[in-house]
C-alpha atoms as a PDB file:
ATOM      1  CA  MET A   1     -40.661  21.360  17.250  1.00  0.00           C
ATOM      2  CA  LYS A   2     -41.388  17.900  18.624  1.00  0.00           C
ATOM      3  CA  ARG A   3     -38.375  15.568  18.604  1.00  0.00           C
ATOM      4  CA  LEU A   4     -39.065  12.005  17.462  1.00  0.00           C
ATOM      5  CA  SER A   5     -38.107   9.314  19.931  1.00  0.00           C
ATOM      6  CA  LYS A   6     -36.505   5.987  19.120  1.00  0.00           C
ATOM      7  CA  ASN A   7     -39.955   4.436  19.632  1.00  0.00           C
ATOM      8  CA  SER A   8     -41.735   6.696  17.109  1.00  0.00           C
ATOM      9  CA  PHE A   9     -41.849   4.126  14.315  1.00  0.00           C
ATOM     10  CA  LYS A  10     -41.973   0.678  15.883  1.00  0.00           C
ATOM     11  CA  LYS A  11     -43.437  -0.986  12.806  1.00  0.00           C
ATOM     12  CA  ILE A  12     -43.247   0.170   9.186  1.00  0.00           C
ATOM     13  CA  LEU A  13     -45.365  -1.112   6.298  1.00  0.00           C
ATOM     14  CA  VAL A  14     -43.936  -0.982   2.763  1.00  0.00           C
ATOM     15  CA  PRO A  15     -46.385  -1.676  -0.080  1.00  0.00           C
ATOM     16  CA  LEU A  16     -44.637  -3.135  -3.129  1.00  0.00           C
ATOM     17  CA  ASP A  17     -45.767  -3.374  -6.743  1.00  0.00           C
ATOM     18  CA  GLY A  18     -42.535  -4.200  -8.564  1.00  0.00           C
ATOM     19  CA  SER A  19     -41.971  -0.639  -9.789  1.00  0.00           C
ATOM     20  CA  LYS A  20     -38.760   1.340  -9.327  1.00  0.00           C
ATOM     21  CA  TYR A  21     -40.759   3.685  -7.069  1.00  0.00           C
ATOM     22  CA  SER A  22     -41.650   0.897  -4.648  1.00  0.00           C
ATOM     23  CA  ILE A  23     -37.966  -0.125  -4.524  1.00  0.00           C
ATOM     24  CA  LYS A  24     -37.066   3.501  -3.716  1.00  0.00           C
ATOM     25  CA  ALA A  25     -39.670   3.390  -0.937  1.00  0.00           C
ATOM     26  CA  LEU A  26     -38.117   0.155   0.363  1.00  0.00           C
ATOM     27  CA  GLU A  27     -34.673   1.773   0.389  1.00  0.00           C
ATOM     28  CA  ARG A  28     -36.011   4.764   2.341  1.00  0.00           C
ATOM     29  CA  ALA A  29     -37.811   2.432   4.750  1.00  0.00           C
ATOM     30  CA  CYS A  30     -34.449   0.731   5.407  1.00  0.00           C
ATOM     31  CA  ASP A  31     -33.042   4.105   6.468  1.00  0.00           C
ATOM     32  CA  VAL A  32     -35.933   4.567   8.892  1.00  0.00           C
ATOM     33  CA  VAL A  33     -35.556   0.999  10.206  1.00  0.00           C
ATOM     34  CA  ASN A  34     -31.883   1.633  10.938  1.00  0.00           C
ATOM     35  CA  SER A  35     -32.553   5.021  12.551  1.00  0.00           C
ATOM     36  CA  PHE A  36     -35.438   3.936  14.752  1.00  0.00           C
ATOM     37  CA  ASN A  37     -34.709   0.215  15.221  1.00  0.00           C
ATOM     38  CA  SER A  38     -38.105  -0.536  13.662  1.00  0.00           C
ATOM     39  CA  LYS A  39     -39.685  -3.755  12.432  1.00  0.00           C
ATOM     40  CA  LEU A  40     -40.558  -3.984   8.760  1.00  0.00           C
ATOM     41  CA  VAL A  41     -43.635  -5.445   7.064  1.00  0.00           C
ATOM     42  CA  LEU A  42     -43.827  -5.860   3.273  1.00  0.00           C
ATOM     43  CA  ILE A  43     -47.137  -6.129   1.437  1.00  0.00           C
ATOM     44  CA  TYR A  44     -48.094  -6.907  -2.140  1.00  0.00           C
ATOM     45  CA  VAL A  45     -51.765  -6.624  -3.073  1.00  0.00           C
ATOM     46  CA  VAL A  46     -53.197  -8.541  -6.014  1.00  0.00           C
ATOM     47  CA  GLU A  47     -55.747  -6.139  -7.462  1.00  0.00           C
ATOM     48  CA  LYS A  48     -58.935  -7.963  -8.342  1.00  0.00           C
ATOM     49  CA  THR A  49     -60.054  -6.330 -11.567  1.00  0.00           C
ATOM     50  CA  VAL A  50     -62.948  -7.490 -13.724  1.00  0.00           C
ATOM     51  CA  PRO A  51     -61.586  -9.506 -16.672  1.00  0.00           C
ATOM     52  CA  ILE A  52     -63.541 -10.621 -19.742  1.00  0.00           C
ATOM     53  CA  ASN A  53     -64.541 -14.130 -18.666  1.00  0.00           C
ATOM     54  CA  PHE A  54     -64.051 -16.579 -15.796  1.00  0.00           C
ATOM     55  CA  LEU A  55     -61.069 -18.445 -17.322  1.00  0.00           C
ATOM     56  CA  ASP A  56     -59.295 -15.186 -18.118  1.00  0.00           C
ATOM     57  CA  ARG A  57     -59.897 -14.008 -14.547  1.00  0.00           C
ATOM     58  CA  LYS A  58     -58.480 -17.165 -13.005  1.00  0.00           C
ATOM     59  CA  GLU A  59     -55.364 -17.113 -15.198  1.00  0.00           C
ATOM     60  CA  TYR A  60     -54.892 -13.368 -14.737  1.00  0.00           C
ATOM     61  CA  LEU A  61     -55.075 -13.617 -10.933  1.00  0.00           C
ATOM     62  CA  GLU A  62     -52.605 -16.519 -10.950  1.00  0.00           C
ATOM     63  CA  ILE A  63     -50.135 -14.441 -12.978  1.00  0.00           C
ATOM     64  CA  LEU A  64     -50.532 -11.557 -10.520  1.00  0.00           C
ATOM     65  CA  ARG A  65     -50.028 -13.885  -7.532  1.00  0.00           C
ATOM     66  CA  LYS A  66     -46.787 -15.216  -9.044  1.00  0.00           C
ATOM     67  CA  PHE A  67     -45.604 -11.677  -9.789  1.00  0.00           C
ATOM     68  CA  GLY A  68     -46.435 -10.696  -6.200  1.00  0.00           C
ATOM     69  CA  LYS A  69     -44.370 -13.544  -4.790  1.00  0.00           C
ATOM     70  CA  LYS A  70     -41.474 -12.646  -7.097  1.00  0.00           C
ATOM     71  CA  THR A  71     -41.717  -8.985  -6.030  1.00  0.00           C
ATOM     72  CA  ILE A  72     -41.696  -9.884  -2.321  1.00  0.00           C
ATOM     73  CA  ASP A  73     -38.772 -12.288  -2.853  1.00  0.00           C
ATOM     74  CA  HIS A  74     -36.775  -9.565  -4.640  1.00  0.00           C
ATOM     75  CA  ALA A  75     -37.456  -7.125  -1.798  1.00  0.00           C
ATOM     76  CA  ASN A  76     -36.335  -9.708   0.761  1.00  0.00           C
ATOM     77  CA  GLU A  77     -33.077 -10.198  -1.192  1.00  0.00           C
ATOM     78  CA  ILE A  78     -32.436  -6.440  -0.971  1.00  0.00           C
ATOM     79  CA  LEU A  79     -33.178  -6.494   2.763  1.00  0.00           C
ATOM     80  CA  SER A  80     -31.002  -9.549   3.348  1.00  0.00           C
ATOM     81  CA  LYS A  81     -27.983  -7.723   1.891  1.00  0.00           C
ATOM     82  CA  LYS A  82     -28.630  -4.945   4.422  1.00  0.00           C
ATOM     83  CA  GLY A  83     -29.051  -7.353   7.342  1.00  0.00           C
ATOM     84  CA  ILE A  84     -32.761  -6.538   7.721  1.00  0.00           C
ATOM     85  CA  SER A  85     -35.573  -9.061   7.960  1.00  0.00           C
ATOM     86  CA  ALA A  86     -39.245  -8.421   7.309  1.00  0.00           C
ATOM     87  CA  LYS A  87     -42.635 -10.022   7.602  1.00  0.00           C
ATOM     88  CA  SER A  88     -44.169 -10.540   4.138  1.00  0.00           C
ATOM     89  CA  ILE A  89     -47.869 -10.385   3.285  1.00  0.00           C
ATOM     90  CA  ILE A  90     -49.687 -11.030   0.000  1.00  0.00           C
ATOM     91  CA  LYS A  91     -53.349  -9.991  -0.084  1.00  0.00           C
ATOM     92  CA  GLU A  92     -56.055  -9.768  -2.731  1.00  0.00           C
ATOM     93  CA  GLY A  93     -58.578  -6.973  -3.194  1.00  0.00           C
ATOM     94  CA  ASN A  94     -58.632  -3.194  -3.483  1.00  0.00           C
ATOM     95  CA  ILE A  95     -55.024  -2.069  -3.169  1.00  0.00           C
ATOM     96  CA  ALA A  96     -55.424   1.032  -0.982  1.00  0.00           C
ATOM     97  CA  HIS A  97     -58.030  -0.661   1.237  1.00  0.00           C
ATOM     98  CA  GLU A  98     -55.891  -3.781   1.792  1.00  0.00           C
ATOM     99  CA  ILE A  99     -52.803  -1.693   2.584  1.00  0.00           C
ATOM    100  CA  ASP A 100     -54.731   0.387   5.116  1.00  0.00           C
ATOM    101  CA  LYS A 101     -56.263  -2.772   6.619  1.00  0.00           C
ATOM    102  CA  ALA A 102     -52.818  -4.395   6.923  1.00  0.00           C
ATOM    103  CA  ALA A 103     -51.422  -1.253   8.584  1.00  0.00           C
ATOM    104  CA  LYS A 104     -54.191  -1.479  11.201  1.00  0.00           C
ATOM    105  CA  ASN A 105     -53.905  -5.259  11.698  1.00  0.00           C
ATOM    106  CA  GLU A 106     -50.114  -5.116  12.019  1.00  0.00           C
ATOM    107  CA  LYS A 107     -50.291  -1.989  14.244  1.00  0.00           C
ATOM    108  CA  CYS A 108     -47.951  -0.053  11.941  1.00  0.00           C
ATOM    109  CA  ASP A 109     -46.890   3.477  12.843  1.00  0.00           C
ATOM    110  CA  LEU A 110     -45.750   4.401   9.327  1.00  0.00           C
ATOM    111  CA  ILE A 111     -46.427   3.444   5.712  1.00  0.00           C
ATOM    112  CA  VAL A 112     -43.588   4.150   3.267  1.00  0.00           C
ATOM    113  CA  VAL A 113     -44.895   4.162  -0.291  1.00  0.00           C
ATOM    114  CA  GLY A 114     -43.630   5.250  -3.712  1.00  0.00           C
ATOM    115  CA  ASN A 115     -45.410   8.194  -5.291  1.00  0.00           C
ATOM    116  CA  LYS A 116     -46.025   6.236  -8.505  1.00  0.00           C
ATOM    117  CA  GLY A 117     -46.567   2.613  -9.318  1.00  0.00           C
ATOM    118  CA  LEU A 118     -46.915   0.402 -12.349  1.00  0.00           C
ATOM    119  CA  GLY A 119     -50.460   1.276 -13.426  1.00  0.00           C
ATOM    120  CA  SER A 120     -50.505   4.650 -15.201  1.00  0.00           C
ATOM    121  CA  VAL A 121     -53.865   4.068 -16.927  1.00  0.00           C
ATOM    122  CA  SER A 122     -55.657   2.935 -13.774  1.00  0.00           C
ATOM    123  CA  ARG A 123     -53.981   5.766 -11.831  1.00  0.00           C
ATOM    124  CA  PHE A 124     -55.468   8.247 -14.312  1.00  0.00           C
ATOM    125  CA  PHE A 125     -58.972   6.875 -13.803  1.00  0.00           C
ATOM    126  CA  LEU A 126     -58.871   5.785 -10.179  1.00  0.00           C
ATOM    127  CA  GLY A 127     -56.274   8.034  -8.540  1.00  0.00           C
ATOM    128  CA  SER A 128     -52.920   6.892  -7.238  1.00  0.00           C
ATOM    129  CA  VAL A 129     -52.594   4.487  -4.339  1.00  0.00           C
ATOM    130  CA  SER A 130     -50.313   6.930  -2.507  1.00  0.00           C
ATOM    131  CA  ASN A 131     -52.930   9.673  -2.868  1.00  0.00           C
ATOM    132  CA  LYS A 132     -55.707   7.407  -1.572  1.00  0.00           C
ATOM    133  CA  LEU A 133     -53.564   6.306   1.368  1.00  0.00           C
ATOM    134  CA  SER A 134     -52.692   9.899   2.259  1.00  0.00           C
ATOM    135  CA  GLN A 135     -56.416  10.633   2.488  1.00  0.00           C
ATOM    136  CA  SER A 136     -57.554   7.554   4.390  1.00  0.00           C
ATOM    137  CA  SER A 137     -54.685   5.942   6.282  1.00  0.00           C
ATOM    138  CA  SER A 138     -54.893   5.379  10.013  1.00  0.00           C
ATOM    139  CA  CYS A 139     -51.155   6.081  10.451  1.00  0.00           C
ATOM    140  CA  SER A 140     -48.470   8.397   9.111  1.00  0.00           C
ATOM    141  CA  ILE A 141     -47.452   8.153   5.454  1.00  0.00           C
ATOM    142  CA  LEU A 142     -44.070   8.810   3.889  1.00  0.00           C
ATOM    143  CA  ILE A 143     -44.420   9.225   0.119  1.00  0.00           C
ATOM    144  CA  VAL A 144     -41.097   8.706  -1.647  1.00  0.00           C
ATOM    145  CA  LYS A 145     -40.359  10.357  -4.989  1.00  0.00           C
END
């Protein structure tokens, strides 16, 4: 069995959505950061869905952007109490695609993601983000239950 070196996970990406599962993933990522002396990157993706009309779309996206900032701020408060700092990213687009793109751009070795998120209806129709990432990611995935 191959033993992991201290350099195995230099940079870890944690996608957040405000759910208890993403907080559990953040907590697990903290364990990995402490074990491997890794750097941490947080990402929140504003999903661009198709609303009813232009005004609804604009307002809806603004609400999601504010929620994303609040979610990232909350995660940074948790990290601060643990003495860990992180780079924070907010993107807009397809969630799984933007997470995978960020992992490549940031040269992450690991993505730590919760197995469920906030959107149960969209998950039913579109498949979960964690499932999509496990199929398409360019780096290792740790799915936290």
